[in-house]
Amino acid sequence: MTPPEHPHRPAWFDISTPDAARARRFYQDLFGWPSNVLDDTYALVGDADGRPAGGIGQAGPDSPYVGFVAYFPVDDVDAALARAEQLGGTRVLAPVDTPVSRIAVFTDPDGNHVGLISR
């Protein structure tokens, strides 16, 4: 499912929280992350060179999850999600296209949120 050119480490992360502004301030103060606020609901955060490494989003009442999710790179989000479900995972966020990638989120058999991403 994951070819050798894909490292087995996260490619992206999201922090979904009921108070995104507070979370942005916290992580900026803790790690010095620069923040690029896209709108009232989402901000890109990254390293000193300005490349985004993840995002902090505003969780609303219909948000599929709250908390930290690491996204792992795969060639085909839909196929990887189907495989995760076959292995006992549960779909949390159906595959969706973003401006730069395709993502999905599932919980593993222990309830941990895991993201999938393809570019």
Protein backbone atom coordinates (compact mmCIF):
# COMPACT_ATOMS: atom_id res chain seq x y z
CA MET A 1 0.00 0.00 0.00
CA THR A 2 2.85 2.41 0.81
CA PRO A 3 5.64 2.27 -1.77
CA PRO A 4 9.31 2.54 -0.72
CA GLU A 5 9.56 6.19 -1.77
CA HIS A 6 7.07 7.13 0.96
CA PRO A 7 8.71 7.41 4.36
CA HIS A 8 6.78 5.98 7.27
CA ARG A 9 6.54 9.29 9.05
CA PRO A 10 3.87 11.98 9.10
CA ALA A 11 3.67 14.33 6.14
CA TRP A 12 1.23 16.77 7.76
CA PHE A 13 -0.61 17.36 11.01
CA ASP A 14 -3.81 19.05 12.07
CA ILE A 15 -4.84 20.29 15.47
CA SER A 16 -8.61 20.67 15.61
CA THR A 17 -9.77 22.64 18.64
CA PRO A 18 -12.80 24.54 19.98
CA ASP A 19 -10.55 27.64 20.37
CA ALA A 20 -8.20 27.90 17.38
CA ALA A 21 -6.94 31.38 18.28
CA ARG A 22 -5.88 30.18 21.73
CA ALA A 23 -4.20 27.10 20.26
CA ARG A 24 -2.31 29.22 17.69
CA ARG A 25 -1.00 31.48 20.47
CA PHE A 26 -0.05 28.50 22.64
CA TYR A 27 1.96 26.75 19.90
CA GLN A 28 3.51 30.00 18.66
CA ASP A 29 4.72 30.71 22.21
CA LEU A 30 5.82 27.11 22.81
CA PHE A 31 7.52 26.28 19.51
CA GLY A 32 7.87 29.64 17.77
CA TRP A 33 5.72 28.44 14.88
CA PRO A 34 4.91 31.16 12.37
CA SER A 35 1.20 31.23 11.59
CA ASN A 36 -0.55 32.08 8.32
CA VAL A 37 -4.24 32.59 9.14
CA LEU A 38 -6.26 31.66 6.06
CA ASP A 39 -9.69 32.49 7.48
CA ASP A 40 -11.67 32.32 10.73
CA THR A 41 -11.48 28.53 10.73
CA TYR A 42 -7.94 27.52 9.72
CA ALA A 43 -4.32 28.62 9.91
CA LEU A 44 -1.20 27.07 8.45
CA VAL A 45 1.72 26.69 10.84
CA GLY A 46 5.25 25.80 9.95
CA ASP A 47 8.91 26.23 10.44
CA ALA A 48 11.14 29.31 10.35
CA ASP A 49 11.45 29.26 6.55
CA GLY A 50 7.69 29.71 6.24
CA ARG A 51 6.88 26.28 4.77
CA PRO A 52 3.70 24.96 6.36
CA ALA A 53 4.07 21.68 8.22
CA GLY A 54 0.53 21.51 9.55
CA GLY A 55 -2.54 23.44 10.49
CA ILE A 56 -4.68 24.52 13.39
CA GLY A 57 -8.39 24.51 12.76
CA GLN A 58 -11.52 25.67 14.52
CA ALA A 59 -13.65 22.69 15.54
CA GLY A 60 -17.36 23.34 15.28
CA PRO A 61 -20.32 21.25 16.39
CA ASP A 62 -20.15 19.19 13.17
CA SER A 63 -16.37 18.66 13.17
CA PRO A 64 -15.43 15.03 12.54
CA TYR A 65 -12.83 15.09 15.32
CA VAL A 66 -11.11 17.24 17.94
CA GLY A 67 -7.46 16.84 18.79
CA PHE A 68 -4.19 16.08 17.05
CA VAL A 69 -4.05 14.04 13.84
CA ALA A 70 -0.87 13.02 12.04
CA TYR A 71 -1.32 12.48 8.29
CA PHE A 72 0.72 9.75 6.63
CA PRO A 73 1.52 9.86 2.89
CA VAL A 74 -0.06 7.24 0.63
CA ASP A 75 -0.45 6.99 -3.12
CA ASP A 76 -4.22 6.47 -3.00
CA VAL A 77 -6.21 7.84 -0.05
CA ASP A 78 -9.38 5.97 -1.00
CA ALA A 79 -7.62 2.60 -1.27
CA ALA A 80 -5.64 3.13 1.95
CA LEU A 81 -8.81 4.10 3.83
CA ALA A 82 -10.61 1.02 2.52
CA ARG A 83 -7.68 -1.13 3.68
CA ALA A 84 -7.71 0.51 7.12
CA GLU A 85 -11.42 -0.30 7.41
CA GLN A 86 -10.78 -3.93 6.38
CA LEU A 87 -8.21 -4.14 9.17
CA GLY A 88 -10.63 -2.84 11.82
CA GLY A 89 -10.31 0.92 11.47
CA THR A 90 -13.34 3.22 11.42
CA ARG A 91 -13.84 6.05 8.95
CA VAL A 92 -14.05 9.48 10.62
CA LEU A 93 -13.54 11.84 7.65
CA ALA A 94 -14.37 10.50 4.18
CA PRO A 95 -11.83 11.26 1.45
CA VAL A 96 -11.95 14.91 0.47
CA ASP A 97 -9.90 17.04 -1.89
CA THR A 98 -8.16 20.13 -0.50
CA PRO A 99 -6.45 22.79 -2.64
CA VAL A 100 -3.15 20.86 -2.41
CA SER A 101 -3.98 17.24 -1.52
CA ARG A 102 -6.55 14.55 -0.88
CA ILE A 103 -7.09 13.57 2.77
CA ALA A 104 -9.11 11.22 4.97
CA VAL A 105 -9.14 10.34 8.67
CA PHE A 106 -9.91 7.07 10.44
CA THR A 107 -9.58 5.68 13.94
CA ASP A 108 -7.47 2.60 14.50
CA PRO A 109 -8.85 -0.30 16.57
CA ASP A 110 -7.74 1.50 19.76
CA GLY A 111 -9.56 4.74 18.84
CA ASN A 112 -6.50 6.78 17.79
CA HIS A 113 -7.14 9.25 14.96
CA VAL A 114 -4.91 8.69 11.91
CA GLY A 115 -4.82 10.78 8.74
CA LEU A 116 -4.05 9.79 5.18
CA ILE A 117 -2.76 12.24 2.58
CA SER A 118 -1.84 12.10 -1.09
CA ARG A 119 -0.55 14.98 -3.14
